[in-house]
Amino acid sequence: MTDQTAATQGYYRHIGPPKNMKDGLCNFVQMIINAADAGNASEAMYLAVDLLDDLRNGTYDGAMGISAASAKSNLERQMEKDRAEATETARQEYIKGVQHGMEHKRREILLALGLEA
C-alpha cells in the first residue's frame, strides 16, 4: 500500500465486481478514495464529477463502479487512435507538400535550362 493518511488507510480495499447497486456505489466511491490516496487528484475529481453527474441525471446503475474505469480507458484508447490518425494525415500532407515543392523546383530548373517550355 502506498503512503496514505491515517484517516483513509482503513478505507483502502480492492475493488471487485459489484453484487448489487450498493456494492457498485461503494466501488465507485472506493475508486475515488484510491485515486486521491495515490496522489492522482485529477483522476479523483474526474471520477467524483462523473458519479455526481450520473446520480443527478438518474443514470447511475450498479455496474458503474467497474464500468467507469473501463469507459475512461476506452476514451483514452479512442483519443490515442484519433491522435495517431491525425499524425498520419499530417505526415501524408507534409509528404505531398514536399513532393509538390520538388516537382515545382524540377520544372524551374528545366525551364532555366531551356529543356521544357
PDB file of N, CA and C in Angstrom:
ATOM      1  N   MET A   1       0.845  -1.165   0.000  1.00  0.00           N
ATOM      2  CA  MET A   1       0.000   0.000   0.000  1.00  0.00           C
ATOM      3  C   MET A   1       0.902   1.243   0.000  1.00  0.00           C
ATOM      4  N   THR A   2       0.493   2.248  -0.710  1.00  0.00           N
ATOM      5  CA  THR A   2       1.275   3.482  -0.761  1.00  0.00           C
ATOM      6  C   THR A   2       1.148   4.250   0.540  1.00  0.00           C
ATOM      7  N   ASP A   3       1.933   5.301   0.673  1.00  0.00           N
ATOM      8  CA  ASP A   3       1.897   6.133   1.867  1.00  0.00           C
ATOM      9  C   ASP A   3       0.558   6.872   1.916  1.00  0.00           C
ATOM     10  N   GLN A   4      -0.316   6.455   2.827  1.00  0.00           N
ATOM     11  CA  GLN A   4      -1.652   7.041   2.930  1.00  0.00           C
ATOM     12  C   GLN A   4      -1.822   7.692   4.290  1.00  0.00           C
ATOM     13  N   THR A   5      -2.762   8.611   4.354  1.00  0.00           N
ATOM     14  CA  THR A   5      -3.056   9.242   5.645  1.00  0.00           C
ATOM     15  C   THR A   5      -3.777   8.245   6.528  1.00  0.00           C
ATOM     16  N   ALA A   6      -3.667   8.439   7.823  1.00  0.00           N
ATOM     17  CA  ALA A   6      -4.322   7.527   8.770  1.00  0.00           C
ATOM     18  C   ALA A   6      -5.838   7.571   8.620  1.00  0.00           C
ATOM     19  N   ALA A   7      -6.355   8.709   8.194  1.00  0.00           N
ATOM     20  CA  ALA A   7      -7.811   8.858   8.077  1.00  0.00           C
ATOM     21  C   ALA A   7      -8.387   7.972   6.980  1.00  0.00           C
ATOM     22  N   THR A   8      -7.646   7.766   5.904  1.00  0.00           N
ATOM     23  CA  THR A   8      -8.192   6.997   4.785  1.00  0.00           C
ATOM     24  C   THR A   8      -7.614   5.599   4.681  1.00  0.00           C
ATOM     25  N   GLN A   9      -6.587   5.288   5.441  1.00  0.00           N
ATOM     26  CA  GLN A   9      -5.938   3.992   5.328  1.00  0.00           C
ATOM     27  C   GLN A   9      -6.911   2.845   5.598  1.00  0.00           C
ATOM     28  N   GLY A  10      -7.800   3.020   6.524  1.00  0.00           N
ATOM     29  CA  GLY A  10      -8.763   1.973   6.839  1.00  0.00           C
ATOM     30  C   GLY A  10      -9.776   1.728   5.740  1.00  0.00           C
ATOM     31  N   TYR A  11      -9.962   2.666   4.857  1.00  0.00           N
ATOM     32  CA  TYR A  11     -10.957   2.538   3.789  1.00  0.00           C
ATOM     33  C   TYR A  11     -10.398   1.927   2.514  1.00  0.00           C
ATOM     34  N   TYR A  12      -9.100   1.780   2.426  1.00  0.00           N
ATOM     35  CA  TYR A  12      -8.486   1.258   1.204  1.00  0.00           C
ATOM     36  C   TYR A  12      -8.816  -0.227   1.076  1.00  0.00           C
ATOM     37  N   ARG A  13      -9.383  -0.613  -0.043  1.00  0.00           N
ATOM     38  CA  ARG A  13      -9.684  -2.018  -0.272  1.00  0.00           C
ATOM     39  C   ARG A  13      -9.676  -2.289  -1.772  1.00  0.00           C
ATOM     40  N   HIS A  14      -9.540  -3.554  -2.105  1.00  0.00           N
ATOM     41  CA  HIS A  14      -9.553  -3.969  -3.509  1.00  0.00           C
ATOM     42  C   HIS A  14     -10.972  -3.838  -4.057  1.00  0.00           C
ATOM     43  N   ILE A  15     -11.087  -3.416  -5.301  1.00  0.00           N
ATOM     44  CA  ILE A  15     -12.397  -3.247  -5.923  1.00  0.00           C
ATOM     45  C   ILE A  15     -12.727  -4.503  -6.716  1.00  0.00           C
ATOM     46  N   GLY A  16     -13.823  -5.142  -6.363  1.00  0.00           N
ATOM     47  CA  GLY A  16     -14.269  -6.352  -7.049  1.00  0.00           C
ATOM     48  C   GLY A  16     -15.576  -6.106  -7.783  1.00  0.00           C
ATOM     49  N   PRO A  17     -16.036  -7.082  -8.548  1.00  0.00           N
ATOM     50  CA  PRO A  17     -17.307  -6.923  -9.265  1.00  0.00           C
ATOM     51  C   PRO A  17     -18.460  -6.698  -8.285  1.00  0.00           C
ATOM     52  N   PRO A  18     -19.332  -5.736  -8.559  1.00  0.00           N
ATOM     53  CA  PRO A  18     -20.427  -5.447  -7.633  1.00  0.00           C
ATOM     54  C   PRO A  18     -21.494  -6.542  -7.658  1.00  0.00           C
ATOM     55  N   LYS A  19     -22.033  -6.854  -6.481  1.00  0.00           N
ATOM     56  CA  LYS A  19     -23.115  -7.841  -6.384  1.00  0.00           C
ATOM     57  C   LYS A  19     -24.477  -7.172  -6.520  1.00  0.00           C
ATOM     58  N   ASN A  20     -24.522  -5.892  -6.154  1.00  0.00           N
ATOM     59  CA  ASN A  20     -25.776  -5.155  -6.214  1.00  0.00           C
ATOM     60  C   ASN A  20     -25.457  -3.664  -6.394  1.00  0.00           C
ATOM     61  N   MET A  21     -26.484  -2.838  -6.442  1.00  0.00           N
ATOM     62  CA  MET A  21     -26.293  -1.414  -6.674  1.00  0.00           C
ATOM     63  C   MET A  21     -25.474  -0.762  -5.550  1.00  0.00           C
ATOM     64  N   LYS A  22     -25.722  -1.204  -4.314  1.00  0.00           N
ATOM     65  CA  LYS A  22     -24.974  -0.647  -3.180  1.00  0.00           C
ATOM     66  C   LYS A  22     -23.478  -0.950  -3.322  1.00  0.00           C
ATOM     67  N   ASP A  23     -23.129  -2.188  -3.693  1.00  0.00           N
ATOM     68  CA  ASP A  23     -21.724  -2.549  -3.907  1.00  0.00           C
ATOM     69  C   ASP A  23     -21.116  -1.731  -5.043  1.00  0.00           C
ATOM     70  N   GLY A  24     -21.892  -1.511  -6.084  1.00  0.00           N
ATOM     71  CA  GLY A  24     -21.405  -0.709  -7.212  1.00  0.00           C
ATOM     72  C   GLY A  24     -21.092   0.715  -6.778  1.00  0.00           C
ATOM     73  N   LEU A  25     -21.978   1.291  -5.979  1.00  0.00           N
ATOM     74  CA  LEU A  25     -21.759   2.641  -5.469  1.00  0.00           C
ATOM     75  C   LEU A  25     -20.534   2.675  -4.553  1.00  0.00           C
ATOM     76  N   CYS A  26     -20.397   1.658  -3.699  1.00  0.00           N
ATOM     77  CA  CYS A  26     -19.212   1.567  -2.835  1.00  0.00           C
ATOM     78  C   CYS A  26     -17.936   1.463  -3.666  1.00  0.00           C
ATOM     79  N   ASN A  27     -17.985   0.687  -4.743  1.00  0.00           N
ATOM     80  CA  ASN A  27     -16.823   0.562  -5.629  1.00  0.00           C
ATOM     81  C   ASN A  27     -16.447   1.920  -6.227  1.00  0.00           C
ATOM     82  N   PHE A  28     -17.461   2.641  -6.660  1.00  0.00           N
ATOM     83  CA  PHE A  28     -17.210   3.940  -7.288  1.00  0.00           C
ATOM     84  C   PHE A  28     -16.555   4.888  -6.289  1.00  0.00           C
ATOM     85  N   VAL A  29     -17.096   4.939  -5.086  1.00  0.00           N
ATOM     86  CA  VAL A  29     -16.530   5.798  -4.034  1.00  0.00           C
ATOM     87  C   VAL A  29     -15.124   5.325  -3.684  1.00  0.00           C
ATOM     88  N   GLN A  30     -14.911   4.009  -3.641  1.00  0.00           N
ATOM     89  CA  GLN A  30     -13.583   3.474  -3.335  1.00  0.00           C
ATOM     90  C   GLN A  30     -12.583   3.851  -4.425  1.00  0.00           C
ATOM     91  N   MET A  31     -13.015   3.864  -5.680  1.00  0.00           N
ATOM     92  CA  MET A  31     -12.128   4.283  -6.771  1.00  0.00           C
ATOM     93  C   MET A  31     -11.688   5.735  -6.563  1.00  0.00           C
ATOM     94  N   ILE A  32     -12.599   6.572  -6.118  1.00  0.00           N
ATOM     95  CA  ILE A  32     -12.271   7.980  -5.850  1.00  0.00           C
ATOM     96  C   ILE A  32     -11.252   8.068  -4.713  1.00  0.00           C
ATOM     97  N   ILE A  33     -11.484   7.312  -3.636  1.00  0.00           N
ATOM     98  CA  ILE A  33     -10.559   7.314  -2.487  1.00  0.00           C
ATOM     99  C   ILE A  33      -9.188   6.798  -2.910  1.00  0.00           C
ATOM    100  N   ASN A  34      -9.155   5.693  -3.669  1.00  0.00           N
ATOM    101  CA  ASN A  34      -7.885   5.120  -4.105  1.00  0.00           C
ATOM    102  C   ASN A  34      -7.112   6.102  -4.969  1.00  0.00           C
ATOM    103  N   ALA A  35      -7.801   6.776  -5.893  1.00  0.00           N
ATOM    104  CA  ALA A  35      -7.127   7.748  -6.766  1.00  0.00           C
ATOM    105  C   ALA A  35      -6.579   8.912  -5.949  1.00  0.00           C
ATOM    106  N   ALA A  36      -7.349   9.388  -4.990  1.00  0.00           N
ATOM    107  CA  ALA A  36      -6.889  10.503  -4.152  1.00  0.00           C
ATOM    108  C   ALA A  36      -5.694  10.090  -3.304  1.00  0.00           C
ATOM    109  N   ASP A  37      -5.755   8.908  -2.708  1.00  0.00           N
ATOM    110  CA  ASP A  37      -4.647   8.423  -1.883  1.00  0.00           C
ATOM    111  C   ASP A  37      -3.386   8.180  -2.703  1.00  0.00           C
ATOM    112  N   ALA A  38      -3.553   7.828  -3.958  1.00  0.00           N
ATOM    113  CA  ALA A  38      -2.395   7.600  -4.825  1.00  0.00           C
ATOM    114  C   ALA A  38      -1.796   8.922  -5.303  1.00  0.00           C
ATOM    115  N   GLY A  39      -2.409  10.051  -4.926  1.00  0.00           N
ATOM    116  CA  GLY A  39      -1.887  11.356  -5.317  1.00  0.00           C
ATOM    117  C   GLY A  39      -2.361  11.814  -6.681  1.00  0.00           C
ATOM    118  N   ASN A  40      -3.369  11.133  -7.227  1.00  0.00           N
ATOM    119  CA  ASN A  40      -3.886  11.487  -8.544  1.00  0.00           C
ATOM    120  C   ASN A  40      -5.182  12.284  -8.372  1.00  0.00           C
ATOM    121  N   ALA A  41      -5.021  13.557  -8.046  1.00  0.00           N
ATOM    122  CA  ALA A  41      -6.181  14.409  -7.755  1.00  0.00           C
ATOM    123  C   ALA A  41      -7.085  14.581  -8.971  1.00  0.00           C
ATOM    124  N   SER A  42      -6.500  14.704 -10.156  1.00  0.00           N
ATOM    125  CA  SER A  42      -7.329  14.911 -11.343  1.00  0.00           C
ATOM    126  C   SER A  42      -8.193  13.685 -11.625  1.00  0.00           C
ATOM    127  N   GLU A  43      -7.640  12.496 -11.425  1.00  0.00           N
ATOM    128  CA  GLU A  43      -8.408  11.263 -11.608  1.00  0.00           C
ATOM    129  C   GLU A  43      -9.533  11.188 -10.585  1.00  0.00           C
ATOM    130  N   ALA A  44      -9.239  11.529  -9.333  1.00  0.00           N
ATOM    131  CA  ALA A  44     -10.255  11.508  -8.282  1.00  0.00           C
ATOM    132  C   ALA A  44     -11.377  12.485  -8.598  1.00  0.00           C
ATOM    133  N   MET A  45     -11.024  13.674  -9.044  1.00  0.00           N
ATOM    134  CA  MET A  45     -12.044  14.669  -9.396  1.00  0.00           C
ATOM    135  C   MET A  45     -12.873  14.208 -10.587  1.00  0.00           C
ATOM    136  N   TYR A  46     -12.218  13.626 -11.585  1.00  0.00           N
ATOM    137  CA  TYR A  46     -12.926  13.101 -12.757  1.00  0.00           C
ATOM    138  C   TYR A  46     -13.971  12.071 -12.325  1.00  0.00           C
ATOM    139  N   LEU A  47     -13.564  11.129 -11.476  1.00  0.00           N
ATOM    140  CA  LEU A  47     -14.484  10.096 -11.019  1.00  0.00           C
ATOM    141  C   LEU A  47     -15.614  10.672 -10.170  1.00  0.00           C
ATOM    142  N   ALA A  48     -15.285  11.619  -9.279  1.00  0.00           N
ATOM    143  CA  ALA A  48     -16.307  12.216  -8.417  1.00  0.00           C
ATOM    144  C   ALA A  48     -17.343  12.974  -9.229  1.00  0.00           C
ATOM    145  N   VAL A  49     -16.885  13.765 -10.178  1.00  0.00           N
ATOM    146  CA  VAL A  49     -17.814  14.521 -11.026  1.00  0.00           C
ATOM    147  C   VAL A  49     -18.662  13.566 -11.856  1.00  0.00           C
ATOM    148  N   ASP A  50     -18.049  12.513 -12.372  1.00  0.00           N
ATOM    149  CA  ASP A  50     -18.784  11.527 -13.159  1.00  0.00           C
ATOM    150  C   ASP A  50     -19.872  10.865 -12.315  1.00  0.00           C
ATOM    151  N   LEU A  51     -19.529  10.480 -11.086  1.00  0.00           N
ATOM    152  CA  LEU A  51     -20.509   9.854 -10.193  1.00  0.00           C
ATOM    153  C   LEU A  51     -21.645  10.816  -9.859  1.00  0.00           C
ATOM    154  N   LEU A  52     -21.303  12.032  -9.483  1.00  0.00           N
ATOM    155  CA  LEU A  52     -22.346  13.008  -9.133  1.00  0.00           C
ATOM    156  C   LEU A  52     -23.249  13.319 -10.322  1.00  0.00           C
ATOM    157  N   ASP A  53     -22.669  13.414 -11.500  1.00  0.00           N
ATOM    158  CA  ASP A  53     -23.460  13.669 -12.699  1.00  0.00           C
ATOM    159  C   ASP A  53     -24.419  12.515 -12.971  1.00  0.00           C
ATOM    160  N   ASP A  54     -23.935  11.287 -12.830  1.00  0.00           N
ATOM    161  CA  ASP A  54     -24.800  10.121 -13.034  1.00  0.00           C
ATOM    162  C   ASP A  54     -25.930  10.076 -12.014  1.00  0.00           C
ATOM    163  N   LEU A  55     -25.608  10.371 -10.765  1.00  0.00           N
ATOM    164  CA  LEU A  55     -26.647  10.371  -9.731  1.00  0.00           C
ATOM    165  C   LEU A  55     -27.672  11.466  -9.969  1.00  0.00           C
ATOM    166  N   ARG A  56     -27.195  12.633 -10.366  1.00  0.00           N
ATOM    167  CA  ARG A  56     -28.102  13.767 -10.607  1.00  0.00           C
ATOM    168  C   ARG A  56     -29.030  13.477 -11.785  1.00  0.00           C
ATOM    169  N   ASN A  57     -28.497  12.855 -12.840  1.00  0.00           N
ATOM    170  CA  ASN A  57     -29.296  12.567 -14.028  1.00  0.00           C
ATOM    171  C   ASN A  57     -30.122  11.299 -13.904  1.00  0.00           C
ATOM    172  N   GLY A  58     -29.911  10.552 -12.840  1.00  0.00           N
ATOM    173  CA  GLY A  58     -30.663   9.309 -12.667  1.00  0.00           C
ATOM    174  C   GLY A  58     -30.177   8.190 -13.566  1.00  0.00           C
ATOM    175  N   THR A  59     -28.928   8.282 -14.061  1.00  0.00           N
ATOM    176  CA  THR A  59     -28.415   7.256 -14.964  1.00  0.00           C
ATOM    177  C   THR A  59     -27.482   6.287 -14.265  1.00  0.00           C
ATOM    178  N   TYR A  60     -27.309   6.448 -12.951  1.00  0.00           N
ATOM    179  CA  TYR A  60     -26.402   5.548 -12.223  1.00  0.00           C
ATOM    180  C   TYR A  60     -26.996   4.153 -12.154  1.00  0.00           C
ATOM    181  N   ASP A  61     -26.163   3.138 -12.405  1.00  0.00           N
ATOM    182  CA  ASP A  61     -26.589   1.757 -12.193  1.00  0.00           C
ATOM    183  C   ASP A  61     -25.503   1.037 -11.393  1.00  0.00           C
ATOM    184  N   GLY A  62     -25.793  -0.124 -10.920  1.00  0.00           N
ATOM    185  CA  GLY A  62     -24.891  -0.843 -10.032  1.00  0.00           C
ATOM    186  C   GLY A  62     -23.560  -1.206 -10.632  1.00  0.00           C
ATOM    187  N   ALA A  63     -23.473  -1.288 -11.956  1.00  0.00           N
ATOM    188  CA  ALA A  63     -22.223  -1.684 -12.601  1.00  0.00           C
ATOM    189  C   ALA A  63     -21.257  -0.523 -12.755  1.00  0.00           C
ATOM    190  N   MET A  64     -21.675   0.694 -12.441  1.00  0.00           N
ATOM    191  CA  MET A  64     -20.836   1.870 -12.689  1.00  0.00           C
ATOM    192  C   MET A  64     -19.528   1.845 -11.918  1.00  0.00           C
ATOM    193  N   GLY A  65     -19.476   1.190 -10.775  1.00  0.00           N
ATOM    194  CA  GLY A  65     -18.242   1.140 -10.014  1.00  0.00           C
ATOM    195  C   GLY A  65     -17.110   0.497 -10.792  1.00  0.00           C
ATOM    196  N   ILE A  66     -17.432  -0.395 -11.692  1.00  0.00           N
ATOM    197  CA  ILE A  66     -16.430  -1.046 -12.530  1.00  0.00           C
ATOM    198  C   ILE A  66     -16.370  -0.386 -13.904  1.00  0.00           C
ATOM    199  N   SER A  67     -17.519  -0.047 -14.464  1.00  0.00           N
ATOM    200  CA  SER A  67     -17.540   0.439 -15.840  1.00  0.00           C
ATOM    201  C   SER A  67     -16.974   1.845 -15.994  1.00  0.00           C
ATOM    202  N   ALA A  68     -16.867   2.622 -14.923  1.00  0.00           N
ATOM    203  CA  ALA A  68     -16.293   3.961 -15.046  1.00  0.00           C
ATOM    204  C   ALA A  68     -14.841   3.878 -15.487  1.00  0.00           C
ATOM    205  N   ALA A  69     -14.081   2.987 -14.888  1.00  0.00           N
ATOM    206  CA  ALA A  69     -12.678   2.823 -15.276  1.00  0.00           C
ATOM    207  C   ALA A  69     -12.585   2.303 -16.706  1.00  0.00           C
ATOM    208  N   SER A  70     -13.480   1.404 -17.070  1.00  0.00           N
ATOM    209  CA  SER A  70     -13.491   0.862 -18.427  1.00  0.00           C
ATOM    210  C   SER A  70     -13.815   1.956 -19.442  1.00  0.00           C
ATOM    211  N   ALA A  71     -14.807   2.791 -19.129  1.00  0.00           N
ATOM    212  CA  ALA A  71     -15.176   3.878 -20.034  1.00  0.00           C
ATOM    213  C   ALA A  71     -14.020   4.855 -20.215  1.00  0.00           C
ATOM    214  N   LYS A  72     -13.314   5.147 -19.132  1.00  0.00           N
ATOM    215  CA  LYS A  72     -12.182   6.062 -19.213  1.00  0.00           C
ATOM    216  C   LYS A  72     -11.078   5.467 -20.075  1.00  0.00           C
ATOM    217  N   SER A  73     -10.792   4.176 -19.920  1.00  0.00           N
ATOM    218  CA  SER A  73      -9.740   3.575 -20.732  1.00  0.00           C
ATOM    219  C   SER A  73     -10.168   3.504 -22.197  1.00  0.00           C
ATOM    220  N   ASN A  74     -11.456   3.267 -22.452  1.00  0.00           N
ATOM    221  CA  ASN A  74     -11.949   3.279 -23.835  1.00  0.00           C
ATOM    222  C   ASN A  74     -11.786   4.666 -24.448  1.00  0.00           C
ATOM    223  N   LEU A  75     -12.097   5.701 -23.673  1.00  0.00           N
ATOM    224  CA  LEU A  75     -11.941   7.067 -24.142  1.00  0.00           C
ATOM    225  C   LEU A  75     -10.473   7.368 -24.441  1.00  0.00           C
ATOM    226  N   GLU A  76      -9.586   6.935 -23.548  1.00  0.00           N
ATOM    227  CA  GLU A  76      -8.157   7.168 -23.773  1.00  0.00           C
ATOM    228  C   GLU A  76      -7.666   6.439 -25.026  1.00  0.00           C
ATOM    229  N   ARG A  77      -8.147   5.195 -25.231  1.00  0.00           N
ATOM    230  CA  ARG A  77      -7.774   4.458 -26.449  1.00  0.00           C
ATOM    231  C   ARG A  77      -8.272   5.178 -27.697  1.00  0.00           C
ATOM    232  N   GLN A  78      -9.510   5.677 -27.653  1.00  0.00           N
ATOM    233  CA  GLN A  78     -10.066   6.395 -28.802  1.00  0.00           C
ATOM    234  C   GLN A  78      -9.273   7.667 -29.078  1.00  0.00           C
ATOM    235  N   MET A  79      -8.899   8.386 -28.005  1.00  0.00           N
ATOM    236  CA  MET A  79      -8.110   9.603 -28.182  1.00  0.00           C
ATOM    237  C   MET A  79      -6.744   9.275 -28.791  1.00  0.00           C
ATOM    238  N   GLU A  80      -6.131   8.181 -28.360  1.00  0.00           N
ATOM    239  CA  GLU A  80      -4.839   7.770 -28.912  1.00  0.00           C
ATOM    240  C   GLU A  80      -4.980   7.395 -30.389  1.00  0.00           C
ATOM    241  N   LYS A  81      -6.065   6.699 -30.719  1.00  0.00           N
ATOM    242  CA  LYS A  81      -6.317   6.327 -32.114  1.00  0.00           C
ATOM    243  C   LYS A  81      -6.514   7.588 -32.966  1.00  0.00           C
ATOM    244  N   ASP A  82      -7.309   8.538 -32.466  1.00  0.00           N
ATOM    245  CA  ASP A  82      -7.533   9.791 -33.188  1.00  0.00           C
ATOM    246  C   ASP A  82      -6.237  10.571 -33.361  1.00  0.00           C
ATOM    247  N   ARG A  83      -5.408  10.578 -32.316  1.00  0.00           N
ATOM    248  CA  ARG A  83      -4.119  11.275 -32.381  1.00  0.00           C
ATOM    249  C   ARG A  83      -3.210  10.629 -33.434  1.00  0.00           C
ATOM    250  N   ALA A  84      -3.204   9.285 -33.490  1.00  0.00           N
ATOM    251  CA  ALA A  84      -2.392   8.575 -34.475  1.00  0.00           C
ATOM    252  C   ALA A  84      -2.883   8.863 -35.897  1.00  0.00           C
ATOM    253  N   GLU A  85      -4.208   8.885 -36.076  1.00  0.00           N
ATOM    254  CA  GLU A  85      -4.767   9.197 -37.392  1.00  0.00           C
ATOM    255  C   GLU A  85      -4.429  10.622 -37.819  1.00  0.00           C
ATOM    256  N   ALA A  86      -4.515  11.558 -36.892  1.00  0.00           N
ATOM    257  CA  ALA A  86      -4.190  12.951 -37.205  1.00  0.00           C
ATOM    258  C   ALA A  86      -2.709  13.095 -37.546  1.00  0.00           C
ATOM    259  N   THR A  87      -1.861  12.375 -36.819  1.00  0.00           N
ATOM    260  CA  THR A  87      -0.422  12.413 -37.112  1.00  0.00           C
ATOM    261  C   THR A  87      -0.145  11.857 -38.498  1.00  0.00           C
ATOM    262  N   GLU A  88      -0.779  10.745 -38.835  1.00  0.00           N
ATOM    263  CA  GLU A  88      -0.575  10.145 -40.155  1.00  0.00           C
ATOM    264  C   GLU A  88      -1.081  11.070 -41.268  1.00  0.00           C
ATOM    265  N   THR A  89      -2.228  11.705 -41.053  1.00  0.00           N
ATOM    266  CA  THR A  89      -2.761  12.643 -42.042  1.00  0.00           C
ATOM    267  C   THR A  89      -1.803  13.815 -42.239  1.00  0.00           C
ATOM    268  N   ALA A  90      -1.291  14.343 -41.134  1.00  0.00           N
ATOM    269  CA  ALA A  90      -0.339  15.460 -41.213  1.00  0.00           C
ATOM    270  C   ALA A  90       0.927  15.026 -41.936  1.00  0.00           C
ATOM    271  N   ARG A  91       1.394  13.809 -41.674  1.00  0.00           N
ATOM    272  CA  ARG A  91       2.592  13.306 -42.355  1.00  0.00           C
ATOM    273  C   ARG A  91       2.359  13.170 -43.854  1.00  0.00           C
ATOM    274  N   GLN A  92       1.201  12.649 -44.236  1.00  0.00           N
ATOM    275  CA  GLN A  92       0.873  12.494 -45.650  1.00  0.00           C
ATOM    276  C   GLN A  92       0.795  13.855 -46.350  1.00  0.00           C
ATOM    277  N   GLU A  93       0.183  14.823 -45.673  1.00  0.00           N
ATOM    278  CA  GLU A  93       0.102  16.175 -46.242  1.00  0.00           C
ATOM    279  C   GLU A  93       1.491  16.793 -46.395  1.00  0.00           C
ATOM    280  N   TYR A  94       2.363  16.563 -45.427  1.00  0.00           N
ATOM    281  CA  TYR A  94       3.733  17.064 -45.494  1.00  0.00           C
ATOM    282  C   TYR A  94       4.458  16.439 -46.686  1.00  0.00           C
ATOM    283  N   ILE A  95       4.305  15.118 -46.848  1.00  0.00           N
ATOM    284  CA  ILE A  95       4.953  14.430 -47.970  1.00  0.00           C
ATOM    285  C   ILE A  95       4.444  14.981 -49.295  1.00  0.00           C
ATOM    286  N   LYS A  96       3.118  15.197 -49.393  1.00  0.00           N
ATOM    287  CA  LYS A  96       2.558  15.773 -50.627  1.00  0.00           C
ATOM    288  C   LYS A  96       3.161  17.141 -50.897  1.00  0.00           C
ATOM    289  N   GLY A  97       3.279  17.948 -49.835  1.00  0.00           N
ATOM    290  CA  GLY A  97       3.857  19.283 -49.991  1.00  0.00           C
ATOM    291  C   GLY A  97       5.296  19.229 -50.443  1.00  0.00           C
ATOM    292  N   VAL A  98       6.078  18.315 -49.876  1.00  0.00           N
ATOM    293  CA  VAL A  98       7.479  18.163 -50.277  1.00  0.00           C
ATOM    294  C   VAL A  98       7.559  17.703 -51.722  1.00  0.00           C
ATOM    295  N   GLN A  99       6.739  16.735 -52.094  1.00  0.00           N
ATOM    296  CA  GLN A  99       6.747  16.237 -53.467  1.00  0.00           C
ATOM    297  C   GLN A  99       6.346  17.336 -54.449  1.00  0.00           C
ATOM    298  N   HIS A 100       5.336  18.117 -54.079  1.00  0.00           N
ATOM    299  CA  HIS A 100       4.910  19.212 -54.944  1.00  0.00           C
ATOM    300  C   HIS A 100       6.027  20.245 -55.073  1.00  0.00           C
ATOM    301  N   GLY A 101       6.685  20.555 -53.965  1.00  0.00           N
ATOM    302  CA  GLY A 101       7.793  21.510 -53.991  1.00  0.00           C
ATOM    303  C   GLY A 101       8.943  21.014 -54.843  1.00  0.00           C
ATOM    304  N   MET A 102       9.246  19.711 -54.748  1.00  0.00           N
ATOM    305  CA  MET A 102      10.330  19.138 -55.561  1.00  0.00           C
ATOM    306  C   MET A 102       9.959  19.180 -57.041  1.00  0.00           C
ATOM    307  N   GLU A 103       8.714  18.872 -57.376  1.00  0.00           N
ATOM    308  CA  GLU A 103       8.262  18.904 -58.778  1.00  0.00           C
ATOM    309  C   GLU A 103       8.328  20.326 -59.311  1.00  0.00           C
ATOM    310  N   HIS A 104       7.916  21.296 -58.499  1.00  0.00           N
ATOM    311  CA  HIS A 104       7.973  22.696 -58.903  1.00  0.00           C
ATOM    312  C   HIS A 104       9.420  23.130 -59.155  1.00  0.00           C
ATOM    313  N   LYS A 105      10.329  22.741 -58.263  1.00  0.00           N
ATOM    314  CA  LYS A 105      11.734  23.105 -58.407  1.00  0.00           C
ATOM    315  C   LYS A 105      12.335  22.441 -59.646  1.00  0.00           C
ATOM    316  N   ARG A 106      12.005  21.166 -59.901  1.00  0.00           N
ATOM    317  CA  ARG A 106      12.499  20.459 -61.091  1.00  0.00           C
ATOM    318  C   ARG A 106      12.049  21.169 -62.348  1.00  0.00           C
ATOM    319  N   ARG A 107      10.796  21.606 -62.358  1.00  0.00           N
ATOM    320  CA  ARG A 107      10.261  22.308 -63.524  1.00  0.00           C
ATOM    321  C   ARG A 107      10.994  23.640 -63.727  1.00  0.00           C
ATOM    322  N   GLU A 108      11.273  24.372 -62.656  1.00  0.00           N
ATOM    323  CA  GLU A 108      12.019  25.629 -62.753  1.00  0.00           C
ATOM    324  C   GLU A 108      13.402  25.415 -63.366  1.00  0.00           C
ATOM    325  N   ILE A 109      14.069  24.335 -62.937  1.00  0.00           N
ATOM    326  CA  ILE A 109      15.412  24.037 -63.459  1.00  0.00           C
ATOM    327  C   ILE A 109      15.336  23.697 -64.944  1.00  0.00           C
ATOM    328  N   LEU A 110      14.363  22.882 -65.337  1.00  0.00           N
ATOM    329  CA  LEU A 110      14.214  22.524 -66.752  1.00  0.00           C
ATOM    330  C   LEU A 110      13.906  23.757 -67.593  1.00  0.00           C
ATOM    331  N   LEU A 111      13.076  24.661 -67.046  1.00  0.00           N
ATOM    332  CA  LEU A 111      12.772  25.897 -67.778  1.00  0.00           C
ATOM    333  C   LEU A 111      14.032  26.761 -67.909  1.00  0.00           C
ATOM    334  N   ALA A 112      14.810  26.844 -66.832  1.00  0.00           N
ATOM    335  CA  ALA A 112      16.033  27.652 -66.869  1.00  0.00           C
ATOM    336  C   ALA A 112      17.048  27.091 -67.854  1.00  0.00           C
ATOM    337  N   LEU A 113      17.077  25.781 -68.006  1.00  0.00           N
ATOM    338  CA  LEU A 113      17.996  25.150 -68.946  1.00  0.00           C
ATOM    339  C   LEU A 113      17.445  25.144 -70.372  1.00  0.00           C
ATOM    340  N   GLY A 114      16.197  25.549 -70.513  1.00  0.00           N
ATOM    341  CA  GLY A 114      15.565  25.565 -71.831  1.00  0.00           C
ATOM    342  C   GLY A 114      15.159  24.189 -72.310  1.00  0.00           C
ATOM    343  N   LEU A 115      15.055  23.234 -71.409  1.00  0.00           N
ATOM    344  CA  LEU A 115      14.696  21.870 -71.795  1.00  0.00           C
ATOM    345  C   LEU A 115      13.186  21.634 -71.774  1.00  0.00           C
ATOM    346  N   GLU A 116      12.450  22.605 -71.241  1.00  0.00           N
ATOM    347  CA  GLU A 116      10.994  22.479 -71.175  1.00  0.00           C
ATOM    348  C   GLU A 116      10.392  23.847 -71.424  1.00  0.00           C
ATOM    349  N   ALA A 117       9.284  23.868 -72.140  1.00  0.00           N
ATOM    350  CA  ALA A 117       8.663  25.143 -72.470  1.00  0.00           C
ATOM    351  C   ALA A 117       7.627  25.564 -71.479  1.00  0.00           C
TER     352      ALA A 117
END
